[in-house]
Amino acid sequence: MEAGETLDAGLRDAHGIDSGFSPPMLAWVLREFRVQEADSAGGLPAAEVASLALFMDDLVEKLVAASRPEQRTSTAHGHRSPEG
């Protein structure tokens, strides 16, 4: 992402650059990546590793939220509400 670009814009742009990209796939990759294990040889201070892990967790949550279809309220009879 370019500096100052929003996550939503970056996600849209990424799909245009790599058609195999999807927010759920990136979320899965990030969720599987263990920062603490990866840094065992890197020598980052523990506070930086913890900060990076929190950032990645937050990014995963945002990616998952961006992946959800818009929720529409429906009645028990399957009719959409006036808003949807």
N, C-alpha and C. Protein backbone atom coordinates (compact mmCIF):
# COMPACT_ATOMS: atom_id res chain seq x y z
N MET A 1 0.84 -1.18 0.00
CA MET A 1 0.00 0.00 0.00
C MET A 1 0.88 1.24 0.00
N GLU A 2 0.41 2.20 -0.69
CA GLU A 2 1.11 3.49 -0.68
C GLU A 2 0.88 4.17 0.65
N ALA A 3 1.78 5.02 1.02
CA ALA A 3 1.64 5.76 2.28
C ALA A 3 0.34 6.55 2.28
N GLY A 4 -0.41 6.42 3.34
CA GLY A 4 -1.66 7.16 3.48
C GLY A 4 -2.86 6.49 2.85
N GLU A 5 -2.67 5.37 2.16
CA GLU A 5 -3.79 4.67 1.54
C GLU A 5 -4.54 3.87 2.60
N THR A 6 -5.84 3.73 2.44
CA THR A 6 -6.63 2.97 3.42
C THR A 6 -6.49 1.47 3.16
N LEU A 7 -6.81 0.69 4.17
CA LEU A 7 -6.77 -0.76 4.02
C LEU A 7 -7.75 -1.21 2.94
N ASP A 8 -8.95 -0.64 2.94
CA ASP A 8 -9.94 -1.01 1.92
C ASP A 8 -9.42 -0.77 0.51
N ALA A 9 -8.81 0.39 0.30
CA ALA A 9 -8.26 0.70 -1.03
C ALA A 9 -7.13 -0.27 -1.38
N GLY A 10 -6.30 -0.59 -0.41
CA GLY A 10 -5.21 -1.53 -0.65
C GLY A 10 -5.72 -2.91 -1.01
N LEU A 11 -6.78 -3.35 -0.35
CA LEU A 11 -7.36 -4.66 -0.66
C LEU A 11 -7.94 -4.70 -2.06
N ARG A 12 -8.60 -3.60 -2.47
CA ARG A 12 -9.14 -3.52 -3.83
C ARG A 12 -8.01 -3.54 -4.85
N ASP A 13 -6.97 -2.75 -4.59
CA ASP A 13 -5.84 -2.67 -5.52
C ASP A 13 -5.10 -3.99 -5.61
N ALA A 14 -4.95 -4.69 -4.50
CA ALA A 14 -4.20 -5.95 -4.48
C ALA A 14 -4.87 -6.99 -5.37
N HIS A 15 -6.19 -7.04 -5.36
CA HIS A 15 -6.88 -8.01 -6.21
C HIS A 15 -6.65 -7.70 -7.69
N GLY A 16 -6.53 -6.43 -8.03
CA GLY A 16 -6.27 -6.06 -9.41
C GLY A 16 -4.86 -6.42 -9.86
N ILE A 17 -3.93 -6.46 -8.92
CA ILE A 17 -2.54 -6.80 -9.24
C ILE A 17 -2.35 -8.31 -9.25
N ASP A 18 -2.99 -9.01 -8.32
CA ASP A 18 -2.86 -10.46 -8.20
C ASP A 18 -4.27 -11.03 -8.06
N SER A 19 -4.80 -11.60 -9.13
CA SER A 19 -6.19 -12.08 -9.09
C SER A 19 -6.38 -13.23 -8.12
N GLY A 20 -5.31 -13.86 -7.66
CA GLY A 20 -5.43 -14.92 -6.67
C GLY A 20 -5.50 -14.40 -5.25
N PHE A 21 -5.30 -13.10 -5.09
CA PHE A 21 -5.33 -12.50 -3.75
C PHE A 21 -6.76 -12.41 -3.24
N SER A 22 -6.93 -12.67 -1.95
CA SER A 22 -8.21 -12.42 -1.30
C SER A 22 -7.94 -12.09 0.16
N PRO A 23 -8.77 -11.24 0.75
CA PRO A 23 -8.59 -10.93 2.17
C PRO A 23 -8.62 -12.17 3.06
N PRO A 24 -9.53 -13.15 2.82
CA PRO A 24 -9.50 -14.34 3.69
C PRO A 24 -8.18 -15.11 3.58
N MET A 25 -7.61 -15.18 2.38
CA MET A 25 -6.35 -15.91 2.22
C MET A 25 -5.23 -15.20 2.98
N LEU A 26 -5.15 -13.88 2.86
CA LEU A 26 -4.13 -13.14 3.60
C LEU A 26 -4.33 -13.30 5.10
N ALA A 27 -5.58 -13.25 5.55
CA ALA A 27 -5.87 -13.44 6.98
C ALA A 27 -5.38 -14.80 7.44
N TRP A 28 -5.60 -15.84 6.64
CA TRP A 28 -5.16 -17.18 7.01
C TRP A 28 -3.63 -17.24 7.10
N VAL A 29 -2.95 -16.67 6.11
CA VAL A 29 -1.48 -16.67 6.12
C VAL A 29 -0.96 -15.95 7.35
N LEU A 30 -1.52 -14.79 7.64
CA LEU A 30 -1.07 -14.03 8.82
C LEU A 30 -1.38 -14.76 10.11
N ARG A 31 -2.53 -15.42 10.16
CA ARG A 31 -2.92 -16.15 11.38
C ARG A 31 -1.96 -17.33 11.63
N GLU A 32 -1.47 -17.94 10.56
CA GLU A 32 -0.57 -19.08 10.69
C GLU A 32 0.88 -18.67 11.00
N PHE A 33 1.23 -17.43 10.68
CA PHE A 33 2.59 -16.94 10.90
C PHE A 33 2.79 -16.64 12.38
N ARG A 34 3.77 -17.23 12.98
CA ARG A 34 4.05 -17.03 14.40
C ARG A 34 5.25 -16.09 14.55
N VAL A 35 4.98 -14.85 14.88
CA VAL A 35 6.02 -13.84 14.99
C VAL A 35 7.07 -14.23 16.02
N GLN A 36 6.62 -14.73 17.16
CA GLN A 36 7.56 -15.09 18.22
C GLN A 36 8.52 -16.18 17.75
N GLU A 37 8.04 -17.17 17.03
CA GLU A 37 8.89 -18.25 16.53
C GLU A 37 9.80 -17.76 15.42
N ALA A 38 9.28 -16.91 14.55
CA ALA A 38 10.06 -16.41 13.42
C ALA A 38 11.20 -15.52 13.88
N ASP A 39 11.03 -14.86 15.02
CA ASP A 39 12.06 -13.95 15.50
C ASP A 39 13.12 -14.63 16.36
N SER A 40 13.06 -15.92 16.52
CA SER A 40 14.01 -16.58 17.41
C SER A 40 15.46 -16.29 17.03
N ALA A 41 15.73 -16.07 15.75
CA ALA A 41 17.10 -15.75 15.33
C ALA A 41 17.27 -14.27 15.00
N GLY A 42 16.17 -13.51 14.99
CA GLY A 42 16.22 -12.12 14.57
C GLY A 42 16.73 -11.16 15.60
N GLY A 43 16.55 -11.47 16.83
CA GLY A 43 17.06 -10.61 17.89
C GLY A 43 16.28 -9.33 18.13
N LEU A 44 15.02 -9.27 17.71
CA LEU A 44 14.21 -8.09 18.03
C LEU A 44 13.91 -8.06 19.52
N PRO A 45 13.83 -6.88 20.08
CA PRO A 45 13.44 -6.79 21.49
C PRO A 45 12.04 -7.38 21.68
N ALA A 46 11.81 -7.98 22.81
CA ALA A 46 10.53 -8.64 23.10
C ALA A 46 9.35 -7.68 22.93
N ALA A 47 9.52 -6.41 23.29
CA ALA A 47 8.44 -5.44 23.15
C ALA A 47 8.07 -5.23 21.68
N GLU A 48 9.05 -5.23 20.80
CA GLU A 48 8.77 -5.07 19.37
C GLU A 48 8.08 -6.29 18.80
N VAL A 49 8.49 -7.47 19.23
CA VAL A 49 7.85 -8.70 18.79
C VAL A 49 6.39 -8.71 19.25
N ALA A 50 6.15 -8.34 20.49
CA ALA A 50 4.78 -8.29 21.02
C ALA A 50 3.94 -7.27 20.27
N SER A 51 4.52 -6.12 19.95
CA SER A 51 3.81 -5.08 19.21
C SER A 51 3.46 -5.57 17.80
N LEU A 52 4.39 -6.22 17.16
CA LEU A 52 4.15 -6.77 15.82
C LEU A 52 3.06 -7.83 15.86
N ALA A 53 3.07 -8.68 16.88
CA ALA A 53 2.04 -9.71 17.01
C ALA A 53 0.66 -9.09 17.19
N LEU A 54 0.56 -8.03 17.99
CA LEU A 54 -0.72 -7.34 18.17
C LEU A 54 -1.18 -6.68 16.88
N PHE A 55 -0.24 -6.07 16.14
CA PHE A 55 -0.58 -5.45 14.86
C PHE A 55 -1.13 -6.49 13.90
N MET A 56 -0.46 -7.65 13.83
CA MET A 56 -0.91 -8.70 12.93
C MET A 56 -2.28 -9.23 13.33
N ASP A 57 -2.53 -9.40 14.63
CA ASP A 57 -3.84 -9.85 15.09
C ASP A 57 -4.92 -8.86 14.70
N ASP A 58 -4.63 -7.57 14.86
CA ASP A 58 -5.58 -6.52 14.48
C ASP A 58 -5.83 -6.54 12.98
N LEU A 59 -4.78 -6.70 12.19
CA LEU A 59 -4.92 -6.76 10.74
C LEU A 59 -5.76 -7.97 10.32
N VAL A 60 -5.54 -9.10 10.95
CA VAL A 60 -6.34 -10.30 10.65
C VAL A 60 -7.82 -10.01 10.90
N GLU A 61 -8.13 -9.39 12.03
CA GLU A 61 -9.53 -9.07 12.34
C GLU A 61 -10.13 -8.15 11.28
N LYS A 62 -9.36 -7.17 10.83
CA LYS A 62 -9.85 -6.24 9.81
C LYS A 62 -10.05 -6.97 8.48
N LEU A 63 -9.15 -7.88 8.14
CA LEU A 63 -9.29 -8.65 6.90
C LEU A 63 -10.52 -9.55 6.94
N VAL A 64 -10.75 -10.17 8.08
CA VAL A 64 -11.93 -11.02 8.23
C VAL A 64 -13.20 -10.18 8.10
N ALA A 65 -13.21 -9.03 8.75
CA ALA A 65 -14.38 -8.14 8.68
C ALA A 65 -14.61 -7.67 7.24
N ALA A 66 -13.53 -7.37 6.52
CA ALA A 66 -13.65 -6.92 5.13
C ALA A 66 -14.15 -8.03 4.22
N SER A 67 -14.02 -9.27 4.66
CA SER A 67 -14.41 -10.42 3.85
C SER A 67 -15.88 -10.79 4.00
N ARG A 68 -16.50 -10.31 5.05
CA ARG A 68 -17.89 -10.68 5.30
C ARG A 68 -18.82 -9.95 4.35
N PRO A 69 -19.77 -10.71 3.78
CA PRO A 69 -20.77 -10.01 2.95
C PRO A 69 -21.63 -9.12 3.85
N GLU A 70 -22.17 -8.12 3.26
CA GLU A 70 -23.02 -7.21 4.03
C GLU A 70 -24.19 -8.01 4.58
N GLN A 71 -24.49 -7.82 5.84
CA GLN A 71 -25.60 -8.52 6.47
C GLN A 71 -26.88 -7.75 6.20
N ARG A 72 -27.88 -8.45 5.75
CA ARG A 72 -29.17 -7.83 5.48
C ARG A 72 -30.20 -8.44 6.41
N THR A 73 -31.05 -7.61 6.97
CA THR A 73 -32.08 -8.09 7.86
C THR A 73 -33.24 -8.61 7.03
N SER A 74 -33.74 -9.78 7.38
CA SER A 74 -34.89 -10.32 6.67
C SER A 74 -35.94 -10.73 7.69
N THR A 75 -37.17 -10.87 7.23
CA THR A 75 -38.25 -11.29 8.11
C THR A 75 -38.26 -12.80 8.16
N ALA A 76 -39.10 -13.35 8.99
CA ALA A 76 -39.21 -14.80 9.12
C ALA A 76 -39.73 -15.43 7.83
N HIS A 77 -40.36 -14.66 6.96
CA HIS A 77 -40.91 -15.18 5.71
C HIS A 77 -39.92 -15.07 4.56
N GLY A 78 -38.71 -14.63 4.83
CA GLY A 78 -37.70 -14.55 3.80
C GLY A 78 -37.74 -13.27 2.98
N HIS A 79 -38.53 -12.30 3.38
CA HIS A 79 -38.59 -11.03 2.67
C HIS A 79 -37.55 -10.08 3.24
N ARG A 80 -36.97 -9.33 2.40
CA ARG A 80 -35.97 -8.37 2.85
C ARG A 80 -36.65 -7.19 3.54
N SER A 81 -35.92 -6.61 4.46
CA SER A 81 -36.44 -5.43 5.14
C SER A 81 -36.41 -4.26 4.17
N PRO A 82 -37.10 -3.19 4.46
CA PRO A 82 -37.09 -2.01 3.58
C PRO A 82 -35.69 -1.46 3.35
N GLU A 83 -34.78 -1.66 4.32
CA GLU A 83 -33.41 -1.14 4.17
C GLU A 83 -32.63 -1.98 3.17
N GLY A 84 -32.97 -3.24 2.96
CA GLY A 84 -32.15 -4.13 2.15
C GLY A 84 -32.86 -4.59 0.96
